[in-house]
Amino acid sequence: MTRRALVRRPGPRLAEGLLTHIDRVEVDLALAERQWEAYVAALEAEGWETIEVPPAPDCPDAVFVEDTVVVYGDLAVVTRPGADARKPETAGTEQVLRDLGLRIAHIEAPGTLDGGDVLKHDGTVWVGLGGRTNRAGIDQLAAHLAPLGAEVVAVPLTKALHLKSAVTALPDGTVVGWDPVVDDPATWSSYLAVPEEPGAHVVLLDGSTVLMSSAAPRTRALYEERGLRVVAVDVSEFEKLEGCVTCLSVRLRG
């Protein structure tokens, strides 16, 4: 199976990124660049081909490329970010995906949708509602994905920037979250509370391997006890901007 990941290099205005639920602290741009390069290297070391989306230097949050598109099978749904400052970010992602041969659809006004609000597993697509994604955006996404057999489920979101800032899923489908920012854990039939907020964010590298933040050692031990192999990376500068390991790439499998 081909495994490719879209990434976008952090720009010079990274430290100006939008914040919603946390206070602003100083971001070390040089360290952020090194951390991004190490993140990309970790993906490549695990057999993923990385593809750089063209830079968007005027968009501080552009490094969080996951928010610009939702990919399901051979369909790429280009988002319409809920923050106006982020709307220009989608053009570069769309062009790369067109060049890769994916089919393209769009979220149109008045809909808004951030890719970080979308959690997919085994035919179900949960979408955070209440932050930067609205009902019209969710309804449009559902219409685009219905022909592919996906069930789209809206999930209330009031305590975190994006749904995947609160929860992600392990390879077996267990949804993991940090309870203080999860509105309703009962949304998922299989839910595991983790002891550290950064531990709630995992990228599935294969059926038994996850990539996660090095800032959650107790959660890493919990995952390893479940038989998972863990690749840990330092993303501290992006965590200062409400970012995490999931939002730094768009994973394409096929």
Protein backbone atom coordinates (compact mmCIF):
# COMPACT_ATOMS: atom_id res chain seq x y z
CA MET A 1 0.00 0.00 0.00
CA THR A 2 1.25 3.47 -0.92
CA ARG A 3 1.55 5.72 2.10
CA ARG A 4 2.04 9.41 1.51
CA ALA A 5 1.77 12.39 3.83
CA LEU A 6 1.30 16.01 2.90
CA VAL A 7 3.26 18.43 5.08
CA ARG A 8 3.83 22.18 5.00
CA ARG A 9 6.90 23.91 6.35
CA PRO A 10 6.30 26.44 9.16
CA GLY A 11 6.39 30.02 7.99
CA PRO A 12 7.99 33.18 9.38
CA ARG A 13 4.76 34.31 11.08
CA LEU A 14 4.17 31.04 12.97
CA ALA A 15 4.28 32.75 16.36
CA GLU A 16 1.24 34.85 15.35
CA GLY A 17 -0.96 31.75 15.03
CA LEU A 18 -4.53 31.96 16.27
CA LEU A 19 -5.34 30.88 19.82
CA THR A 20 -8.74 30.00 21.25
CA HIS A 21 -8.47 28.07 24.52
CA ILE A 22 -4.95 28.77 25.81
CA ASP A 23 -2.84 31.84 26.61
CA ARG A 24 -0.12 32.99 24.25
CA VAL A 25 3.47 32.21 25.17
CA GLU A 26 6.65 32.83 23.20
CA VAL A 27 7.30 30.45 20.31
CA ASP A 28 10.89 29.61 19.36
CA LEU A 29 10.82 29.71 15.55
CA ALA A 30 14.20 28.03 15.10
CA LEU A 31 13.21 25.21 17.44
CA ALA A 32 9.85 24.86 15.67
CA GLU A 33 11.67 24.42 12.37
CA ARG A 34 13.89 21.70 13.86
CA GLN A 35 10.90 19.96 15.42
CA TRP A 36 9.04 20.04 12.11
CA GLU A 37 12.02 18.52 10.32
CA ALA A 38 12.24 15.78 12.96
CA TYR A 39 8.50 15.10 12.58
CA VAL A 40 8.92 14.72 8.81
CA ALA A 41 11.95 12.50 9.34
CA ALA A 42 9.95 10.29 11.71
CA LEU A 43 7.25 9.78 9.07
CA GLU A 44 9.84 8.95 6.44
CA ALA A 45 11.64 6.52 8.74
CA GLU A 46 8.36 4.64 9.09
CA GLY A 47 7.96 4.25 5.34
CA TRP A 48 5.86 7.30 4.54
CA GLU A 49 6.65 9.42 1.49
CA THR A 50 6.30 13.08 2.46
CA ILE A 51 5.11 15.68 -0.03
CA GLU A 52 5.52 19.37 0.76
CA VAL A 53 2.60 21.66 0.07
CA PRO A 54 3.87 25.04 -1.20
CA PRO A 55 4.54 27.52 1.61
CA ALA A 56 1.96 30.10 2.62
CA PRO A 57 4.21 32.63 4.38
CA ASP A 58 1.43 35.14 5.04
CA CYS A 59 -0.67 32.55 6.89
CA PRO A 60 0.70 31.93 10.41
CA ASP A 61 -1.22 28.67 10.90
CA ALA A 62 -0.44 27.16 7.49
CA VAL A 63 1.87 24.52 9.00
CA PHE A 64 -1.29 22.87 10.37
CA VAL A 65 -2.02 21.48 6.93
CA GLU A 66 -4.54 18.89 8.13
CA ASP A 67 -7.15 21.63 8.47
CA THR A 68 -7.20 22.31 4.71
CA VAL A 69 -8.65 19.04 3.44
CA VAL A 70 -10.47 15.84 4.36
CA VAL A 71 -9.37 12.84 2.30
CA TYR A 72 -11.58 9.76 2.09
CA GLY A 73 -10.53 7.09 -0.39
CA ASP A 74 -9.80 8.83 -3.69
CA LEU A 75 -11.83 11.92 -2.80
CA ALA A 76 -10.30 15.08 -1.37
CA VAL A 77 -12.83 17.45 0.16
CA VAL A 78 -11.15 20.85 0.26
CA THR A 79 -12.29 22.61 3.41
CA ARG A 80 -13.51 26.12 4.09
CA PRO A 81 -11.74 27.02 7.34
CA GLY A 82 -13.82 28.62 10.06
CA ALA A 83 -11.24 31.36 10.66
CA ASP A 84 -11.15 33.86 7.79
CA ALA A 85 -7.39 34.29 8.15
CA ARG A 86 -6.93 30.62 7.27
CA LYS A 87 -9.09 30.47 4.14
CA PRO A 88 -6.16 31.19 1.75
CA GLU A 89 -4.35 28.07 3.01
CA THR A 90 -6.46 25.62 1.01
CA ALA A 91 -5.33 26.56 -2.53
CA GLY A 92 -1.87 25.04 -2.26
CA THR A 93 -3.19 21.81 -0.77
CA GLU A 94 -5.82 21.50 -3.49
CA GLN A 95 -3.26 21.88 -6.27
CA VAL A 96 -0.99 19.19 -4.80
CA LEU A 97 -3.91 16.77 -4.48
CA ARG A 98 -5.04 17.49 -8.05
CA ASP A 99 -1.51 16.74 -9.23
CA LEU A 100 -1.66 13.44 -7.34
CA GLY A 101 -4.83 12.50 -9.21
CA LEU A 102 -7.38 12.67 -6.42
CA ARG A 103 -10.96 13.69 -7.13
CA ILE A 104 -11.74 17.11 -5.66
CA ALA A 105 -14.84 18.44 -3.92
CA HIS A 106 -15.32 21.63 -1.90
CA ILE A 107 -17.06 22.91 1.19
CA GLU A 108 -18.93 26.03 0.06
CA ALA A 109 -20.33 29.06 1.91
CA PRO A 110 -22.09 29.28 4.28
CA GLY A 111 -20.45 26.04 5.37
CA THR A 112 -17.24 26.01 7.36
CA LEU A 113 -15.13 22.96 8.09
CA ASP A 114 -11.64 22.47 9.54
CA GLY A 115 -9.95 19.15 8.83
CA GLY A 116 -8.82 18.93 12.44
CA ASP A 117 -12.47 18.50 13.41
CA VAL A 118 -12.72 15.25 11.45
CA LEU A 119 -11.93 11.84 12.98
CA LYS A 120 -12.29 8.81 10.71
CA HIS A 121 -12.33 5.13 11.56
CA ASP A 122 -13.78 2.09 9.79
CA GLY A 123 -16.50 3.87 7.83
CA THR A 124 -17.54 6.31 10.55
CA VAL A 125 -16.58 9.97 10.34
CA TRP A 126 -17.04 12.01 13.52
CA VAL A 127 -17.03 15.78 13.06
CA GLY A 128 -16.73 18.36 15.82
CA LEU A 129 -19.56 20.90 15.81
CA GLY A 130 -19.42 24.19 17.65
CA GLY A 131 -15.95 25.58 17.06
CA ARG A 132 -14.68 26.38 13.57
CA THR A 133 -16.94 23.84 11.88
CA ASN A 134 -20.66 24.55 11.47
CA ARG A 135 -23.70 22.44 10.66
CA ALA A 136 -23.73 23.47 7.00
CA GLY A 137 -20.14 22.30 6.63
CA ILE A 138 -20.92 18.96 8.25
CA ASP A 139 -23.99 18.47 6.04
CA GLN A 140 -21.93 19.16 2.92
CA LEU A 141 -19.21 16.75 4.03
CA ALA A 142 -21.85 14.08 4.66
CA ALA A 143 -23.24 14.57 1.16
CA HIS A 144 -19.77 14.27 -0.40
CA LEU A 145 -18.90 11.11 1.55
CA ALA A 146 -22.26 9.31 1.39
CA PRO A 147 -21.55 7.75 -2.05
CA LEU A 148 -18.40 6.25 -0.52
CA GLY A 149 -20.39 4.55 2.24
CA ALA A 150 -19.24 6.77 5.09
CA GLU A 151 -21.49 7.63 8.02
CA VAL A 152 -20.93 11.19 9.24
CA VAL A 153 -21.72 11.87 12.90
CA ALA A 154 -21.73 15.38 14.42
CA VAL A 155 -20.08 15.59 17.84
CA PRO A 156 -20.57 18.55 20.24
CA LEU A 157 -17.38 20.51 20.77
CA THR A 158 -17.04 23.32 23.32
CA LYS A 159 -13.81 22.66 25.26
CA ALA A 160 -11.14 22.29 22.57
CA LEU A 161 -10.16 24.01 19.34
CA HIS A 162 -10.82 20.94 17.18
CA LEU A 163 -12.30 17.50 17.75
CA LYS A 164 -8.85 15.97 17.24
CA SER A 165 -7.48 18.34 19.86
CA ALA A 166 -9.65 16.31 22.25
CA VAL A 167 -9.76 12.76 20.84
CA THR A 168 -8.15 10.49 18.27
CA ALA A 169 -8.40 6.75 17.63
CA LEU A 170 -6.02 3.84 18.13
CA PRO A 171 -5.61 1.21 15.39
CA ASP A 172 -8.26 -1.04 16.97
CA GLY A 173 -10.81 1.78 16.94
CA THR A 174 -10.57 2.69 20.61
CA VAL A 175 -11.09 6.44 20.88
CA VAL A 176 -8.64 8.06 23.28
CA GLY A 177 -9.18 11.41 24.93
CA TRP A 178 -8.20 13.69 27.77
CA ASP A 179 -11.41 13.99 29.76
CA PRO A 180 -11.23 17.71 30.70
CA VAL A 181 -11.62 18.69 27.02
CA VAL A 182 -14.01 15.94 25.87
CA ASP A 183 -17.66 17.02 25.87
CA ASP A 184 -19.24 13.56 25.87
CA PRO A 185 -17.08 10.42 26.09
CA ALA A 186 -20.25 8.34 25.73
CA THR A 187 -20.29 9.32 22.04
CA TRP A 188 -17.95 6.38 21.44
CA SER A 189 -18.70 2.78 22.41
CA SER A 190 -15.00 2.16 23.04
CA TYR A 191 -13.37 5.09 24.84
CA LEU A 192 -10.15 5.28 26.84
CA ALA A 193 -9.28 8.27 29.03
CA VAL A 194 -5.57 9.10 28.99
CA PRO A 195 -3.60 10.78 31.80
CA GLU A 196 -1.99 13.60 29.78
CA GLU A 197 -3.51 15.98 27.26
CA PRO A 198 -0.82 15.50 24.55
CA GLY A 199 -1.35 11.74 24.85
CA ALA A 200 -4.81 12.06 23.34
CA HIS A 201 -3.28 12.84 19.95
CA VAL A 202 -2.01 9.91 17.89
CA VAL A 203 -1.17 9.45 14.22
CA LEU A 204 -1.66 5.90 12.97
CA LEU A 205 1.49 4.86 11.12
CA ASP A 206 0.41 1.25 10.56
CA GLY A 207 -1.81 -1.33 12.24
CA SER A 208 0.35 -1.54 15.34
CA THR A 209 2.35 1.71 15.42
CA VAL A 210 1.37 5.21 16.51
CA LEU A 211 3.19 8.52 16.45
CA MET A 212 2.60 10.80 19.42
CA SER A 213 4.04 13.67 21.42
CA SER A 214 7.03 13.00 23.66
CA ALA A 215 5.32 15.21 26.27
CA ALA A 216 3.06 12.34 27.40
CA PRO A 217 5.30 9.59 28.84
CA ARG A 218 2.59 8.03 31.02
CA THR A 219 0.25 7.75 28.06
CA ARG A 220 3.04 6.26 25.98
CA ALA A 221 3.48 3.56 28.62
CA LEU A 222 -0.27 2.93 28.55
CA TYR A 223 -0.21 2.43 24.78
CA GLU A 224 2.82 0.15 24.97
CA GLU A 225 1.02 -1.95 27.59
CA ARG A 226 -1.73 -2.41 24.98
CA GLY A 227 0.86 -3.84 22.57
CA LEU A 228 1.40 -0.77 20.42
CA ARG A 229 4.76 0.41 19.16
CA VAL A 230 5.17 4.12 19.82
CA VAL A 231 7.18 6.69 17.88
CA ALA A 232 7.47 9.85 20.02
CA VAL A 233 8.41 13.30 18.71
CA ASP A 234 8.83 16.67 20.39
CA VAL A 235 6.25 19.17 19.09
CA SER A 236 6.34 21.60 22.02
CA GLU A 237 6.40 24.76 19.90
CA PHE A 238 3.31 23.67 17.98
CA GLU A 239 1.52 22.66 21.17
CA LYS A 240 1.92 26.30 22.28
CA LEU A 241 -0.35 27.14 19.32
CA GLU A 242 -3.01 24.49 20.06
CA GLY A 243 -1.36 22.22 17.52
CA CYS A 244 -0.46 18.54 17.84
CA VAL A 245 1.01 15.64 15.87
CA THR A 246 -2.17 15.02 13.86
CA CYS A 247 -2.53 18.50 12.39
CA LEU A 248 1.00 18.68 10.98
CA SER A 249 0.23 16.28 8.12
CA VAL A 250 -2.47 14.84 5.89
CA ARG A 251 -2.06 11.10 5.60
CA LEU A 252 -2.95 9.46 2.28
CA ARG A 253 -3.33 5.70 2.08
CA GLY A 254 -4.05 3.82 -1.09
